Amino acid sequence: MGTNVLSLRIDGELLDRLRDHAAKRGMSVQDYVIQTLIRNDFDERFQSAVEETEKFYGVT
């Protein structure tokens, strides 16, 4: 299995929140994000967020 690079552009306020959450766990922001992405329930939570966003914007 190879590796890939994912680059994100995020709001400064969101980055500050991520730093806070990561620091509370003694992790880097990168490690915190990766841990969040590999959580067992991430797929369910992500799908739910997509559905809510589609409802909000009226996308069908």
Protein backbone atom coordinates (compact mmCIF):
# COMPACT_ATOMS: atom_id res chain seq x y z
CA MET A 1 0.00 0.00 0.00
CA GLY A 2 1.44 3.36 -1.03
CA THR A 3 0.96 6.72 0.55
CA ASN A 4 -0.61 9.89 -0.75
CA VAL A 5 -0.62 13.51 0.32
CA LEU A 6 -3.83 15.29 1.25
CA SER A 7 -3.69 19.06 1.35
CA LEU A 8 -6.45 21.03 3.05
CA ARG A 9 -7.28 24.69 3.12
CA ILE A 10 -9.18 25.43 6.32
CA ASP A 11 -10.38 28.46 8.19
CA GLY A 12 -8.02 29.83 10.85
CA GLU A 13 -10.67 29.45 13.54
CA LEU A 14 -11.16 25.79 12.67
CA LEU A 15 -7.40 25.21 12.73
CA ASP A 16 -7.25 26.76 16.20
CA ARG A 17 -10.01 24.40 17.36
CA LEU A 18 -8.16 21.43 15.87
CA ARG A 19 -4.97 22.52 17.63
CA ASP A 20 -6.82 22.74 20.94
CA HIS A 21 -8.37 19.28 20.54
CA ALA A 22 -5.03 17.79 19.48
CA ALA A 23 -3.15 19.44 22.34
CA LYS A 24 -5.60 18.04 24.90
CA ARG A 25 -4.67 14.59 23.65
CA GLY A 26 -0.94 15.29 23.35
CA MET A 27 -1.07 14.89 19.58
CA SER A 28 -0.09 16.90 16.53
CA VAL A 29 -2.91 18.32 14.42
CA GLN A 30 -2.00 15.88 11.65
CA ASP A 31 -2.17 12.87 14.00
CA TYR A 32 -5.45 14.10 15.49
CA VAL A 33 -7.05 14.45 12.05
CA ILE A 34 -5.84 10.99 10.99
CA GLN A 35 -7.17 9.43 14.20
CA THR A 36 -10.51 11.12 13.58
CA LEU A 37 -10.66 9.85 10.01
CA ILE A 38 -9.97 6.24 10.98
CA ARG A 39 -12.53 6.06 13.76
CA ASN A 40 -15.05 3.28 13.24
CA ASP A 41 -18.01 5.64 13.14
CA PHE A 42 -16.44 8.23 10.82
CA ASP A 43 -18.21 6.92 7.71
CA GLU A 44 -21.60 7.11 9.41
CA ARG A 45 -20.96 10.57 10.80
CA PHE A 46 -19.64 11.81 7.45
CA GLN A 47 -22.67 10.46 5.57
CA SER A 48 -24.99 12.08 8.10
CA ALA A 49 -23.19 15.42 7.65
CA VAL A 50 -23.47 15.15 3.87
CA GLU A 51 -27.20 14.43 4.12
CA GLU A 52 -27.77 17.37 6.47
CA THR A 53 -25.79 19.67 4.16
CA GLU A 54 -27.82 18.51 1.16
CA LYS A 55 -31.06 19.16 3.06
CA PHE A 56 -29.87 22.61 4.08
CA TYR A 57 -28.90 23.60 0.55
CA GLY A 58 -31.82 21.80 -1.08
CA VAL A 59 -29.66 19.40 -3.11
CA THR A 60 -31.44 16.20 -4.06
